[in-house]
Amino acid sequence: EGDTVTLRCRRWRDKSVTGVRFYHDGKDLGGPLRGAELSLSPLQLHHGGRYTCGGWVEYWGSRWEVTKEVTVTV
């Protein structure tokens, strides 16, 4: 608790991602974000759980993709 954790939404081979939205345990945290980072600061117990992000990627035309989950344990 008390630290800062920064989650970055990236795609394979660092292809650009725009219109990023983050999800915590399936709940949309709002957005879209201008950047591709979500900062949890100061880290608190309720921040624990499963996170994913989604965004538009340039890959044979734009399309919406959602990443695999990462788990934050506090």
N, C-alpha and C. Protein backbone atom coordinates (compact mmCIF):
# COMPACT_ATOMS: atom_id res chain seq x y z
N GLU A 1 0.84 -1.19 0.00
CA GLU A 1 0.00 0.00 0.00
C GLU A 1 0.88 1.25 0.00
N GLY A 2 0.36 2.30 -0.63
CA GLY A 2 1.07 3.57 -0.63
C GLY A 2 1.98 3.81 -1.81
N ASP A 3 2.38 2.75 -2.49
CA ASP A 3 3.24 2.90 -3.66
C ASP A 3 2.43 3.38 -4.86
N THR A 4 3.12 3.62 -5.95
CA THR A 4 2.47 3.94 -7.22
C THR A 4 2.69 2.79 -8.19
N VAL A 5 1.62 2.35 -8.82
CA VAL A 5 1.69 1.34 -9.86
C VAL A 5 1.13 1.97 -11.13
N THR A 6 1.88 1.86 -12.22
CA THR A 6 1.43 2.40 -13.49
C THR A 6 1.22 1.25 -14.47
N LEU A 7 0.01 1.17 -15.01
CA LEU A 7 -0.33 0.17 -16.01
C LEU A 7 -0.26 0.83 -17.38
N ARG A 8 0.40 0.17 -18.31
CA ARG A 8 0.53 0.70 -19.67
C ARG A 8 -0.19 -0.20 -20.65
N CYS A 9 -0.98 0.40 -21.50
CA CYS A 9 -1.71 -0.35 -22.50
C CYS A 9 -0.88 -0.37 -23.78
N ARG A 10 -0.40 -1.57 -24.12
CA ARG A 10 0.44 -1.71 -25.31
C ARG A 10 -0.02 -2.90 -26.11
N ARG A 11 0.35 -2.87 -27.35
CA ARG A 11 0.04 -3.96 -28.24
C ARG A 11 1.34 -4.61 -28.69
N TRP A 12 1.22 -5.82 -29.16
CA TRP A 12 2.36 -6.57 -29.69
C TRP A 12 3.16 -5.71 -30.65
N ARG A 13 4.46 -5.77 -30.50
CA ARG A 13 5.39 -4.99 -31.32
C ARG A 13 5.17 -3.48 -31.20
N ASP A 14 4.60 -3.06 -30.06
CA ASP A 14 4.40 -1.64 -29.77
C ASP A 14 3.64 -0.88 -30.84
N LYS A 15 2.73 -1.55 -31.54
CA LYS A 15 1.88 -0.83 -32.48
C LYS A 15 1.06 0.20 -31.69
N SER A 16 0.74 1.32 -32.32
CA SER A 16 0.06 2.39 -31.60
C SER A 16 -1.35 1.96 -31.18
N VAL A 17 -1.75 2.43 -30.01
CA VAL A 17 -3.08 2.18 -29.47
C VAL A 17 -3.69 3.53 -29.11
N THR A 18 -4.89 3.79 -29.58
CA THR A 18 -5.56 5.06 -29.30
C THR A 18 -6.93 4.79 -28.67
N GLY A 19 -7.52 5.82 -28.09
CA GLY A 19 -8.84 5.69 -27.49
C GLY A 19 -8.87 4.65 -26.38
N VAL A 20 -7.82 4.62 -25.57
CA VAL A 20 -7.63 3.57 -24.57
C VAL A 20 -8.65 3.67 -23.44
N ARG A 21 -9.17 2.51 -23.03
CA ARG A 21 -10.04 2.40 -21.86
C ARG A 21 -9.49 1.27 -21.00
N PHE A 22 -9.50 1.49 -19.69
CA PHE A 22 -9.07 0.46 -18.74
C PHE A 22 -10.28 -0.14 -18.04
N TYR A 23 -10.14 -1.40 -17.66
CA TYR A 23 -11.21 -2.13 -16.96
C TYR A 23 -10.62 -2.78 -15.72
N HIS A 24 -11.36 -2.69 -14.61
CA HIS A 24 -10.95 -3.30 -13.34
C HIS A 24 -12.03 -4.30 -12.96
N ASP A 25 -11.66 -5.57 -12.92
CA ASP A 25 -12.62 -6.65 -12.65
C ASP A 25 -13.85 -6.53 -13.55
N GLY A 26 -13.61 -6.18 -14.81
CA GLY A 26 -14.67 -6.09 -15.80
C GLY A 26 -15.41 -4.78 -15.84
N LYS A 27 -15.16 -3.89 -14.89
CA LYS A 27 -15.85 -2.59 -14.83
C LYS A 27 -15.05 -1.54 -15.59
N ASP A 28 -15.72 -0.84 -16.49
CA ASP A 28 -15.09 0.22 -17.28
C ASP A 28 -14.72 1.37 -16.35
N LEU A 29 -13.44 1.76 -16.35
CA LEU A 29 -12.98 2.84 -15.50
C LEU A 29 -13.14 4.22 -16.14
N GLY A 30 -13.74 4.25 -17.31
CA GLY A 30 -13.95 5.52 -17.99
C GLY A 30 -12.90 5.77 -19.04
N GLY A 31 -13.08 6.82 -19.75
CA GLY A 31 -12.16 7.14 -20.82
C GLY A 31 -12.97 7.62 -22.01
N PRO A 32 -12.44 7.62 -23.20
CA PRO A 32 -11.08 7.13 -23.47
C PRO A 32 -10.01 8.07 -22.92
N LEU A 33 -8.84 7.51 -22.69
CA LEU A 33 -7.72 8.28 -22.18
C LEU A 33 -6.92 8.86 -23.34
N ARG A 34 -6.31 10.00 -23.09
CA ARG A 34 -5.44 10.59 -24.11
C ARG A 34 -4.16 9.78 -24.24
N GLY A 35 -3.66 9.31 -23.12
CA GLY A 35 -2.46 8.48 -23.16
C GLY A 35 -2.85 7.03 -23.04
N ALA A 36 -1.89 6.20 -22.78
CA ALA A 36 -2.14 4.76 -22.66
C ALA A 36 -1.68 4.25 -21.31
N GLU A 37 -1.78 5.08 -20.27
CA GLU A 37 -1.34 4.69 -18.94
C GLU A 37 -2.42 4.96 -17.90
N LEU A 38 -2.46 4.09 -16.90
CA LEU A 38 -3.34 4.26 -15.76
C LEU A 38 -2.47 4.20 -14.52
N SER A 39 -2.49 5.26 -13.73
CA SER A 39 -1.67 5.32 -12.52
C SER A 39 -2.55 5.05 -11.30
N LEU A 40 -2.14 4.09 -10.49
CA LEU A 40 -2.82 3.78 -9.24
C LEU A 40 -1.96 4.34 -8.12
N SER A 41 -2.35 5.49 -7.61
CA SER A 41 -1.51 6.17 -6.63
C SER A 41 -2.36 7.04 -5.71
N PRO A 42 -2.17 6.91 -4.41
CA PRO A 42 -1.37 5.87 -3.76
C PRO A 42 -2.13 4.54 -3.82
N LEU A 43 -1.41 3.45 -3.97
CA LEU A 43 -2.00 2.13 -4.08
C LEU A 43 -2.73 1.78 -2.78
N GLN A 44 -3.99 1.34 -2.93
CA GLN A 44 -4.82 0.97 -1.79
C GLN A 44 -5.39 -0.43 -2.00
N LEU A 45 -5.90 -1.02 -0.94
CA LEU A 45 -6.39 -2.39 -1.01
C LEU A 45 -7.43 -2.58 -2.10
N HIS A 46 -8.32 -1.60 -2.29
CA HIS A 46 -9.38 -1.77 -3.30
C HIS A 46 -8.86 -1.75 -4.73
N HIS A 47 -7.59 -1.38 -4.93
CA HIS A 47 -7.00 -1.40 -6.26
C HIS A 47 -6.66 -2.82 -6.72
N GLY A 48 -6.61 -3.76 -5.79
CA GLY A 48 -6.29 -5.13 -6.15
C GLY A 48 -7.34 -5.72 -7.06
N GLY A 49 -6.92 -6.60 -7.97
CA GLY A 49 -7.87 -7.27 -8.86
C GLY A 49 -7.30 -7.45 -10.25
N ARG A 50 -8.21 -7.75 -11.18
CA ARG A 50 -7.83 -8.03 -12.57
C ARG A 50 -8.03 -6.78 -13.43
N TYR A 51 -7.03 -6.43 -14.22
CA TYR A 51 -7.09 -5.27 -15.10
C TYR A 51 -6.89 -5.71 -16.55
N THR A 52 -7.65 -5.08 -17.43
CA THR A 52 -7.43 -5.19 -18.87
C THR A 52 -7.53 -3.79 -19.43
N CYS A 53 -7.09 -3.63 -20.65
CA CYS A 53 -7.31 -2.37 -21.35
C CYS A 53 -7.72 -2.69 -22.78
N GLY A 54 -8.35 -1.73 -23.38
CA GLY A 54 -8.76 -1.88 -24.77
C GLY A 54 -8.49 -0.59 -25.51
N GLY A 55 -8.37 -0.70 -26.81
CA GLY A 55 -8.13 0.49 -27.61
C GLY A 55 -8.17 0.17 -29.09
N TRP A 56 -8.14 1.22 -29.87
CA TRP A 56 -8.09 1.08 -31.32
C TRP A 56 -6.65 0.86 -31.75
N VAL A 57 -6.44 -0.12 -32.59
CA VAL A 57 -5.10 -0.41 -33.08
C VAL A 57 -5.10 -0.32 -34.61
N GLU A 58 -3.98 0.09 -35.14
CA GLU A 58 -3.81 0.14 -36.59
C GLU A 58 -3.24 -1.19 -37.05
N TYR A 59 -4.08 -2.00 -37.62
CA TYR A 59 -3.64 -3.32 -38.09
C TYR A 59 -4.59 -3.75 -39.19
N TRP A 60 -4.18 -3.55 -40.43
CA TRP A 60 -5.03 -3.85 -41.58
C TRP A 60 -6.36 -3.11 -41.43
N GLY A 61 -6.27 -1.83 -41.12
CA GLY A 61 -7.45 -1.04 -40.80
C GLY A 61 -7.62 -1.01 -39.29
N SER A 62 -8.26 0.01 -38.79
CA SER A 62 -8.42 0.15 -37.34
C SER A 62 -9.42 -0.87 -36.82
N ARG A 63 -9.12 -1.38 -35.62
CA ARG A 63 -10.09 -2.25 -34.95
C ARG A 63 -9.88 -2.17 -33.45
N TRP A 64 -10.92 -2.49 -32.71
CA TRP A 64 -10.89 -2.45 -31.25
C TRP A 64 -10.37 -3.77 -30.74
N GLU A 65 -9.42 -3.72 -29.83
CA GLU A 65 -8.89 -4.93 -29.23
C GLU A 65 -8.77 -4.76 -27.73
N VAL A 66 -8.90 -5.84 -26.99
CA VAL A 66 -8.76 -5.85 -25.54
C VAL A 66 -7.60 -6.76 -25.19
N THR A 67 -6.77 -6.32 -24.25
CA THR A 67 -5.58 -7.08 -23.87
C THR A 67 -5.92 -8.24 -22.95
N LYS A 68 -4.93 -9.07 -22.71
CA LYS A 68 -5.04 -10.10 -21.70
C LYS A 68 -5.05 -9.44 -20.32
N GLU A 69 -5.52 -10.17 -19.34
CA GLU A 69 -5.58 -9.65 -17.98
C GLU A 69 -4.21 -9.60 -17.32
N VAL A 70 -4.06 -8.62 -16.46
CA VAL A 70 -2.95 -8.61 -15.50
C VAL A 70 -3.60 -8.49 -14.13
N THR A 71 -2.96 -9.10 -13.13
CA THR A 71 -3.50 -9.06 -11.78
C THR A 71 -2.63 -8.19 -10.90
N VAL A 72 -3.27 -7.27 -10.21
CA VAL A 72 -2.59 -6.42 -9.23
C VAL A 72 -2.93 -6.97 -7.86
N THR A 73 -1.90 -7.31 -7.09
CA THR A 73 -2.08 -7.81 -5.74
C THR A 73 -1.53 -6.79 -4.76
N VAL A 74 -2.35 -6.36 -3.83
CA VAL A 74 -1.93 -5.37 -2.82
C VAL A 74 -1.79 -6.09 -1.49
